[in-house]
Amino acid sequence: MLPANCRYYPTCSEYAKWQFEFNAPHKALAASTLRILRCNQLFDGGIDYPVVTFTPPRHEALRELNGFSGKMKIIYWFVPKDEKRSQYYVIKDFDAINNSQT
């Protein structure tokens, strides 16, 4: 009944979903809880992508996948947060979702 008025992007529920997809449950629960606690008038809001620890696979490992045909459907992008490349922002590729629905 009310228009969307979330102060963060992605929304808290989407943020929690992404956290639980890519982090251990205890880390995801802590990050999601802190995000919900920040969702009030004391914080400005804005863009707040989830941060995950991720070790990218070797290029050879991608070729060894069973049934690899040369094309992959990309749903999420991992953008490095720091120069060490140990932590990444999770960003959803909405073009892939829109193309799969048509």
N, C-alpha and C. Protein backbone atom coordinates (compact mmCIF):
# COMPACT_ATOMS: atom_id res chain seq x y z
N MET A 1 0.82 -1.18 0.00
CA MET A 1 0.00 0.00 0.00
C MET A 1 0.87 1.26 0.00
N LEU A 2 2.06 1.17 0.57
CA LEU A 2 2.95 2.32 0.61
C LEU A 2 4.05 2.14 -0.44
N PRO A 3 4.55 3.22 -1.01
CA PRO A 3 5.64 3.09 -1.97
C PRO A 3 6.92 2.64 -1.27
N ALA A 4 7.81 2.07 -2.04
CA ALA A 4 9.09 1.62 -1.48
C ALA A 4 9.84 2.81 -0.91
N ASN A 5 10.30 2.70 0.31
CA ASN A 5 11.01 3.80 0.94
C ASN A 5 12.17 3.32 1.79
N CYS A 6 12.87 2.30 1.34
CA CYS A 6 14.02 1.79 2.07
C CYS A 6 15.17 2.79 1.97
N ARG A 7 15.89 2.98 3.04
CA ARG A 7 16.98 3.97 3.04
C ARG A 7 18.29 3.39 2.53
N TYR A 8 18.36 2.11 2.29
CA TYR A 8 19.58 1.47 1.78
C TYR A 8 19.31 0.77 0.45
N TYR A 9 20.37 0.64 -0.33
CA TYR A 9 20.34 -0.23 -1.50
C TYR A 9 21.54 -1.17 -1.38
N PRO A 10 21.37 -2.44 -1.51
CA PRO A 10 20.13 -3.20 -1.65
C PRO A 10 19.33 -3.16 -0.35
N THR A 11 18.08 -3.54 -0.45
CA THR A 11 17.22 -3.52 0.74
C THR A 11 17.78 -4.49 1.78
N CYS A 12 17.33 -4.36 3.01
CA CYS A 12 17.85 -5.20 4.09
C CYS A 12 17.59 -6.69 3.83
N SER A 13 16.44 -7.01 3.28
CA SER A 13 16.14 -8.42 3.01
C SER A 13 17.02 -8.97 1.89
N GLU A 14 17.26 -8.17 0.86
CA GLU A 14 18.14 -8.60 -0.23
C GLU A 14 19.58 -8.72 0.27
N TYR A 15 19.99 -7.78 1.10
CA TYR A 15 21.32 -7.80 1.71
C TYR A 15 21.51 -9.10 2.51
N ALA A 16 20.53 -9.43 3.33
CA ALA A 16 20.61 -10.65 4.14
C ALA A 16 20.65 -11.90 3.26
N LYS A 17 19.86 -11.91 2.20
CA LYS A 17 19.85 -13.05 1.28
C LYS A 17 21.22 -13.25 0.66
N TRP A 18 21.85 -12.16 0.20
CA TRP A 18 23.18 -12.26 -0.41
C TRP A 18 24.21 -12.69 0.63
N GLN A 19 24.09 -12.19 1.86
CA GLN A 19 25.03 -12.59 2.92
C GLN A 19 24.95 -14.10 3.16
N PHE A 20 23.74 -14.63 3.26
CA PHE A 20 23.59 -16.06 3.53
C PHE A 20 23.99 -16.92 2.33
N GLU A 21 23.96 -16.37 1.13
CA GLU A 21 24.40 -17.13 -0.04
C GLU A 21 25.92 -17.28 -0.08
N PHE A 22 26.65 -16.27 0.41
CA PHE A 22 28.10 -16.24 0.19
C PHE A 22 28.94 -16.28 1.46
N ASN A 23 28.36 -16.19 2.64
CA ASN A 23 29.12 -16.21 3.89
C ASN A 23 28.67 -17.37 4.76
N ALA A 24 29.49 -17.67 5.76
CA ALA A 24 29.11 -18.66 6.76
C ALA A 24 27.91 -18.13 7.53
N PRO A 25 27.05 -19.02 8.03
CA PRO A 25 25.83 -18.57 8.69
C PRO A 25 26.06 -17.59 9.85
N HIS A 26 27.07 -17.83 10.67
CA HIS A 26 27.30 -16.93 11.81
C HIS A 26 27.74 -15.54 11.35
N LYS A 27 28.55 -15.46 10.29
CA LYS A 27 28.96 -14.16 9.75
C LYS A 27 27.78 -13.46 9.08
N ALA A 28 26.99 -14.23 8.34
CA ALA A 28 25.84 -13.65 7.64
C ALA A 28 24.81 -13.12 8.63
N LEU A 29 24.57 -13.87 9.71
CA LEU A 29 23.62 -13.42 10.72
C LEU A 29 24.09 -12.14 11.40
N ALA A 30 25.37 -12.08 11.73
CA ALA A 30 25.91 -10.88 12.38
C ALA A 30 25.84 -9.67 11.45
N ALA A 31 26.24 -9.84 10.19
CA ALA A 31 26.21 -8.73 9.23
C ALA A 31 24.78 -8.27 8.96
N SER A 32 23.86 -9.20 8.83
CA SER A 32 22.46 -8.85 8.57
C SER A 32 21.83 -8.14 9.76
N THR A 33 22.14 -8.60 10.96
CA THR A 33 21.62 -7.96 12.17
C THR A 33 22.14 -6.53 12.29
N LEU A 34 23.44 -6.34 12.05
CA LEU A 34 24.00 -4.99 12.12
C LEU A 34 23.38 -4.08 11.07
N ARG A 35 23.12 -4.61 9.90
CA ARG A 35 22.50 -3.82 8.85
C ARG A 35 21.10 -3.37 9.25
N ILE A 36 20.33 -4.28 9.83
CA ILE A 36 18.98 -3.93 10.26
C ILE A 36 19.02 -2.89 11.38
N LEU A 37 19.99 -3.00 12.27
CA LEU A 37 20.13 -2.02 13.35
C LEU A 37 20.52 -0.64 12.82
N ARG A 38 21.23 -0.60 11.67
CA ARG A 38 21.61 0.68 11.06
C ARG A 38 20.45 1.32 10.30
N CYS A 39 19.41 0.59 10.09
CA CYS A 39 18.28 1.09 9.30
C CYS A 39 17.36 1.94 10.17
N ASN A 40 17.80 3.15 10.46
CA ASN A 40 17.00 4.08 11.25
C ASN A 40 17.37 5.51 10.89
N GLN A 41 16.79 6.47 11.56
CA GLN A 41 16.98 7.88 11.22
C GLN A 41 18.38 8.41 11.58
N LEU A 42 19.14 7.70 12.38
CA LEU A 42 20.47 8.16 12.78
C LEU A 42 21.53 7.93 11.69
N PHE A 43 21.22 7.10 10.70
CA PHE A 43 22.14 6.80 9.62
C PHE A 43 21.57 7.31 8.31
N ASP A 44 22.46 7.80 7.44
CA ASP A 44 22.02 8.38 6.17
C ASP A 44 21.46 7.35 5.20
N GLY A 45 21.95 6.14 5.26
CA GLY A 45 21.55 5.15 4.27
C GLY A 45 22.44 5.25 3.05
N GLY A 46 21.94 4.83 1.91
CA GLY A 46 22.72 4.89 0.68
C GLY A 46 23.03 3.49 0.16
N ILE A 47 24.08 3.41 -0.65
CA ILE A 47 24.48 2.13 -1.23
C ILE A 47 25.39 1.42 -0.24
N ASP A 48 25.03 0.19 0.10
CA ASP A 48 25.77 -0.60 1.07
C ASP A 48 25.77 -2.06 0.61
N TYR A 49 26.72 -2.39 -0.27
CA TYR A 49 26.79 -3.76 -0.79
C TYR A 49 27.39 -4.69 0.27
N PRO A 50 26.96 -5.95 0.30
CA PRO A 50 27.57 -6.92 1.21
C PRO A 50 29.04 -7.14 0.86
N VAL A 51 29.85 -7.38 1.88
CA VAL A 51 31.27 -7.68 1.70
C VAL A 51 31.47 -9.13 2.09
N VAL A 52 32.13 -9.89 1.20
CA VAL A 52 32.39 -11.31 1.46
C VAL A 52 33.87 -11.60 1.28
N THR A 53 34.33 -12.64 1.95
CA THR A 53 35.68 -13.14 1.74
C THR A 53 35.58 -14.25 0.70
N PHE A 54 36.40 -14.15 -0.33
CA PHE A 54 36.26 -15.05 -1.46
C PHE A 54 37.62 -15.32 -2.06
N THR A 55 37.91 -16.57 -2.38
CA THR A 55 39.13 -16.93 -3.08
C THR A 55 38.73 -17.35 -4.48
N PRO A 56 39.10 -16.56 -5.49
CA PRO A 56 38.69 -16.91 -6.86
C PRO A 56 39.33 -18.22 -7.32
N PRO A 57 38.61 -19.00 -8.11
CA PRO A 57 39.19 -20.25 -8.62
C PRO A 57 40.24 -19.96 -9.69
N ARG A 58 41.12 -20.93 -9.89
CA ARG A 58 42.11 -20.81 -10.96
C ARG A 58 41.39 -20.85 -12.31
N HIS A 59 42.00 -20.27 -13.32
CA HIS A 59 41.39 -20.28 -14.65
C HIS A 59 41.25 -21.71 -15.17
N GLU A 60 42.22 -22.57 -14.84
CA GLU A 60 42.16 -23.96 -15.29
C GLU A 60 40.97 -24.68 -14.67
N ALA A 61 40.61 -24.32 -13.45
CA ALA A 61 39.48 -24.98 -12.78
C ALA A 61 38.17 -24.70 -13.50
N LEU A 62 38.06 -23.52 -14.11
CA LEU A 62 36.83 -23.21 -14.84
C LEU A 62 36.68 -24.10 -16.07
N ARG A 63 37.80 -24.42 -16.71
CA ARG A 63 37.75 -25.28 -17.90
C ARG A 63 37.45 -26.72 -17.54
N GLU A 64 37.77 -27.12 -16.32
CA GLU A 64 37.59 -28.50 -15.90
C GLU A 64 36.16 -28.81 -15.46
N LEU A 65 35.31 -27.81 -15.44
CA LEU A 65 33.93 -28.04 -15.03
C LEU A 65 33.24 -29.01 -15.98
N ASN A 66 32.43 -29.89 -15.42
CA ASN A 66 31.70 -30.84 -16.27
C ASN A 66 30.67 -30.10 -17.11
N GLY A 67 30.68 -30.35 -18.38
CA GLY A 67 29.69 -29.75 -19.27
C GLY A 67 29.95 -28.29 -19.58
N PHE A 68 31.16 -27.82 -19.39
CA PHE A 68 31.47 -26.42 -19.67
C PHE A 68 31.45 -26.19 -21.17
N SER A 69 30.58 -25.29 -21.63
CA SER A 69 30.43 -25.06 -23.06
C SER A 69 31.04 -23.75 -23.52
N GLY A 70 31.71 -23.03 -22.66
CA GLY A 70 32.33 -21.77 -23.05
C GLY A 70 31.53 -20.55 -22.63
N LYS A 71 30.29 -20.72 -22.25
CA LYS A 71 29.47 -19.60 -21.80
C LYS A 71 28.98 -19.88 -20.39
N MET A 72 28.98 -18.83 -19.59
CA MET A 72 28.49 -18.96 -18.22
C MET A 72 27.45 -17.88 -17.98
N LYS A 73 26.43 -18.20 -17.22
CA LYS A 73 25.45 -17.21 -16.83
C LYS A 73 25.97 -16.53 -15.56
N ILE A 74 26.19 -15.24 -15.64
CA ILE A 74 26.70 -14.49 -14.50
C ILE A 74 25.54 -13.83 -13.79
N ILE A 75 25.39 -14.15 -12.51
CA ILE A 75 24.33 -13.57 -11.71
C ILE A 75 24.89 -12.51 -10.78
N TYR A 76 26.07 -12.77 -10.21
CA TYR A 76 26.70 -11.84 -9.28
C TYR A 76 28.10 -11.48 -9.78
N TRP A 77 28.49 -10.25 -9.51
CA TRP A 77 29.85 -9.79 -9.78
C TRP A 77 30.53 -9.60 -8.44
N PHE A 78 31.79 -9.99 -8.35
CA PHE A 78 32.60 -9.76 -7.15
C PHE A 78 33.60 -8.67 -7.47
N VAL A 79 33.45 -7.52 -6.83
CA VAL A 79 34.31 -6.36 -7.07
C VAL A 79 35.26 -6.23 -5.88
N PRO A 80 36.58 -6.21 -6.11
CA PRO A 80 37.53 -6.15 -5.00
C PRO A 80 37.31 -4.91 -4.13
N LYS A 81 37.34 -5.11 -2.83
CA LYS A 81 37.19 -4.01 -1.88
C LYS A 81 38.54 -3.36 -1.57
N ASP A 82 39.59 -4.17 -1.50
CA ASP A 82 40.90 -3.66 -1.15
C ASP A 82 41.94 -4.17 -2.14
N GLU A 83 43.15 -3.68 -2.01
CA GLU A 83 44.21 -4.06 -2.95
C GLU A 83 44.68 -5.51 -2.74
N LYS A 84 44.48 -6.05 -1.56
CA LYS A 84 44.89 -7.43 -1.29
C LYS A 84 43.99 -8.43 -1.99
N ARG A 85 42.83 -7.97 -2.42
CA ARG A 85 41.83 -8.82 -3.08
C ARG A 85 41.42 -10.01 -2.22
N SER A 86 41.23 -9.76 -0.94
CA SER A 86 40.75 -10.81 -0.06
C SER A 86 39.28 -10.62 0.26
N GLN A 87 38.79 -9.39 0.18
CA GLN A 87 37.39 -9.12 0.42
C GLN A 87 36.79 -8.47 -0.83
N TYR A 88 35.54 -8.85 -1.10
CA TYR A 88 34.88 -8.41 -2.32
C TYR A 88 33.48 -7.89 -2.00
N TYR A 89 33.04 -6.90 -2.77
CA TYR A 89 31.65 -6.47 -2.74
C TYR A 89 30.86 -7.40 -3.64
N VAL A 90 29.65 -7.76 -3.24
CA VAL A 90 28.76 -8.58 -4.07
C VAL A 90 27.78 -7.64 -4.75
N ILE A 91 27.78 -7.67 -6.09
CA ILE A 91 26.88 -6.83 -6.86
C ILE A 91 26.11 -7.73 -7.81
N LYS A 92 24.80 -7.57 -7.83
CA LYS A 92 23.95 -8.43 -8.65
C LYS A 92 23.88 -7.89 -10.08
N ASP A 93 23.94 -8.79 -11.05
CA ASP A 93 23.84 -8.44 -12.46
C ASP A 93 22.37 -8.55 -12.86
N PHE A 94 21.67 -7.42 -12.87
CA PHE A 94 20.24 -7.44 -13.15
C PHE A 94 19.95 -7.69 -14.62
N ASP A 95 20.89 -7.47 -15.52
CA ASP A 95 20.68 -7.78 -16.93
C ASP A 95 20.50 -9.27 -17.13
N ALA A 96 21.27 -10.08 -16.40
CA ALA A 96 21.16 -11.53 -16.52
C ALA A 96 19.79 -12.00 -16.05
N ILE A 97 19.26 -11.37 -15.02
CA ILE A 97 17.96 -11.75 -14.50
C ILE A 97 16.86 -11.34 -15.46
N ASN A 98 16.95 -10.11 -15.99
CA ASN A 98 15.94 -9.63 -16.93
C ASN A 98 15.93 -10.44 -18.22
N ASN A 99 17.10 -10.87 -18.70
CA ASN A 99 17.17 -11.65 -19.94
C ASN A 99 16.62 -13.06 -19.73
N SER A 100 16.78 -13.62 -18.53
CA SER A 100 16.28 -14.98 -18.30
C SER A 100 14.76 -15.01 -18.14
N GLN A 101 14.16 -13.88 -17.80
CA GLN A 101 12.71 -13.86 -17.62
C GLN A 101 11.96 -13.68 -18.94
N THR A 102 12.64 -13.23 -19.98
CA THR A 102 11.97 -13.01 -21.25
C THR A 102 11.94 -14.25 -22.10
